[in-house]
């Protein structure tokens, strides 16, 4: 398929750099970059992020933990 694209100057420089560096055609560089960016590269699996197990129990609002620490620090300052 033939398509006309207007590239930003910085993107155009990146493509031209890759063409020279890798000694490949512009078509190959752009097609491979689009495949990687859109997640359909042949033979390339999707990036998988491993699950991180937290010591925080369910029902604990992690966003409010700093608030709790601040309250405890305030109580400590007022009681001394």
C-alpha atoms as a PDB file:
ATOM      1  CA  UNK A   1       0.000   0.000   0.000  1.00  0.00           C
ATOM      2  CA  UNK A   2       1.358   3.410  -0.890  1.00  0.00           C
ATOM      3  CA  UNK A   3       0.676   6.198   1.621  1.00  0.00           C
ATOM      4  CA  UNK A   4       1.963   9.733   1.983  1.00  0.00           C
ATOM      5  CA  UNK A   5       2.968  10.779   5.498  1.00  0.00           C
ATOM      6  CA  UNK A   6       4.050  14.152   6.798  1.00  0.00           C
ATOM      7  CA  UNK A   7       6.673  13.616   9.483  1.00  0.00           C
ATOM      8  CA  UNK A   8       7.719  16.114  12.104  1.00  0.00           C
ATOM      9  CA  UNK A   9      11.292  17.328  11.702  1.00  0.00           C
ATOM     10  CA  UNK A  10      12.563  15.400  14.719  1.00  0.00           C
ATOM     11  CA  UNK A  11      10.921  12.166  13.551  1.00  0.00           C
ATOM     12  CA  UNK A  12      12.321  12.643  10.062  1.00  0.00           C
ATOM     13  CA  UNK A  13      15.820  13.006  11.530  1.00  0.00           C
ATOM     14  CA  UNK A  14      15.335   9.845  13.586  1.00  0.00           C
ATOM     15  CA  UNK A  15      14.259   7.897  10.502  1.00  0.00           C
ATOM     16  CA  UNK A  16      17.152   9.240   8.428  1.00  0.00           C
ATOM     17  CA  UNK A  17      19.609   8.396  11.211  1.00  0.00           C
ATOM     18  CA  UNK A  18      18.269   4.835  11.423  1.00  0.00           C
ATOM     19  CA  UNK A  19      18.467   4.440   7.627  1.00  0.00           C
ATOM     20  CA  UNK A  20      22.142   5.458   7.629  1.00  0.00           C
ATOM     21  CA  UNK A  21      23.072   3.614  10.834  1.00  0.00           C
ATOM     22  CA  UNK A  22      21.363   0.316   9.951  1.00  0.00           C
ATOM     23  CA  UNK A  23      21.944   0.560   6.177  1.00  0.00           C
ATOM     24  CA  UNK A  24      18.306  -0.236   5.520  1.00  0.00           C
ATOM     25  CA  UNK A  25      15.658   1.339   3.348  1.00  0.00           C
ATOM     26  CA  UNK A  26      13.394   4.043   4.718  1.00  0.00           C
ATOM     27  CA  UNK A  27      10.432   1.764   4.018  1.00  0.00           C
ATOM     28  CA  UNK A  28      11.882  -1.010   6.203  1.00  0.00           C
ATOM     29  CA  UNK A  29      12.797   1.362   9.026  1.00  0.00           C
ATOM     30  CA  UNK A  30       9.348   2.975   9.119  1.00  0.00           C
ATOM     31  CA  UNK A  31       7.479  -0.338   8.793  1.00  0.00           C
ATOM     32  CA  UNK A  32       9.477  -1.967  11.607  1.00  0.00           C
ATOM     33  CA  UNK A  33       9.054   1.072  13.871  1.00  0.00           C
ATOM     34  CA  UNK A  34       5.306   1.117  13.291  1.00  0.00           C
ATOM     35  CA  UNK A  35       5.019  -2.620  13.911  1.00  0.00           C
ATOM     36  CA  UNK A  36       6.885  -2.302  17.207  1.00  0.00           C
ATOM     37  CA  UNK A  37       4.897   0.748  18.294  1.00  0.00           C
ATOM     38  CA  UNK A  38       1.571  -0.839  17.406  1.00  0.00           C
ATOM     39  CA  UNK A  39       2.474  -4.200  18.952  1.00  0.00           C
ATOM     40  CA  UNK A  40       2.261  -6.411  15.867  1.00  0.00           C
ATOM     41  CA  UNK A  41       5.924  -7.141  15.134  1.00  0.00           C
ATOM     42  CA  UNK A  42       6.403 -10.651  13.758  1.00  0.00           C
ATOM     43  CA  UNK A  43       8.067 -12.914  16.260  1.00  0.00           C
ATOM     44  CA  UNK A  44       8.136 -10.282  18.980  1.00  0.00           C
ATOM     45  CA  UNK A  45       6.113 -10.968  22.079  1.00  0.00           C
ATOM     46  CA  UNK A  46       4.419  -8.236  24.042  1.00  0.00           C
ATOM     47  CA  UNK A  47       6.294  -6.763  26.976  1.00  0.00           C
ATOM     48  CA  UNK A  48       5.121  -8.457  30.139  1.00  0.00           C
ATOM     49  CA  UNK A  49       5.405  -6.726  33.491  1.00  0.00           C
ATOM     50  CA  UNK A  50       5.712  -9.168  36.395  1.00  0.00           C
ATOM     51  CA  UNK A  51       3.199  -8.844  39.190  1.00  0.00           C
ATOM     52  CA  UNK A  52       4.587  -7.229  42.324  1.00  0.00           C
ATOM     53  CA  UNK A  53       3.195  -8.637  45.529  1.00  0.00           C
ATOM     54  CA  UNK A  54       2.708  -5.951  48.155  1.00  0.00           C
ATOM     55  CA  UNK A  55       2.678  -6.306  51.893  1.00  0.00           C
ATOM     56  CA  UNK A  56      -0.309  -3.945  52.067  1.00  0.00           C
ATOM     57  CA  UNK A  57      -3.507  -5.768  52.936  1.00  0.00           C
ATOM     58  CA  UNK A  58      -6.709  -5.390  50.978  1.00  0.00           C
ATOM     59  CA  UNK A  59      -8.887  -2.521  52.168  1.00  0.00           C
ATOM     60  CA  UNK A  60      -5.902  -0.294  53.006  1.00  0.00           C
ATOM     61  CA  UNK A  61      -6.004   2.967  51.054  1.00  0.00           C
ATOM     62  CA  UNK A  62      -2.353   3.322  50.049  1.00  0.00           C
ATOM     63  CA  UNK A  63      -2.971   6.908  48.922  1.00  0.00           C
ATOM     64  CA  UNK A  64      -3.821   7.866  52.514  1.00  0.00           C
ATOM     65  CA  UNK A  65      -0.801   6.274  54.203  1.00  0.00           C
ATOM     66  CA  UNK A  66       1.170   9.527  54.020  1.00  0.00           C
ATOM     67  CA  UNK A  67      -1.807  11.324  55.537  1.00  0.00           C
ATOM     68  CA  UNK A  68      -1.715   8.896  58.473  1.00  0.00           C
ATOM     69  CA  UNK A  69       2.017   9.471  58.964  1.00  0.00           C
ATOM     70  CA  UNK A  70       1.430  13.241  58.955  1.00  0.00           C
ATOM     71  CA  UNK A  71      -1.294  12.888  61.587  1.00  0.00           C
ATOM     72  CA  UNK A  72       0.952  10.759  63.783  1.00  0.00           C
ATOM     73  CA  UNK A  73       3.782  13.305  63.428  1.00  0.00           C
ATOM     74  CA  UNK A  74       1.361  16.139  64.342  1.00  0.00           C
ATOM     75  CA  UNK A  75       0.207  14.218  67.428  1.00  0.00           C
ATOM     76  CA  UNK A  76       3.803  13.649  68.455  1.00  0.00           C
ATOM     77  CA  UNK A  77       4.639  17.352  68.133  1.00  0.00           C
ATOM     78  CA  UNK A  78       1.588  18.510  70.103  1.00  0.00           C
ATOM     79  CA  UNK A  79       2.037  15.990  72.916  1.00  0.00           C
ATOM     80  CA  UNK A  80       5.657  16.927  73.661  1.00  0.00           C
END
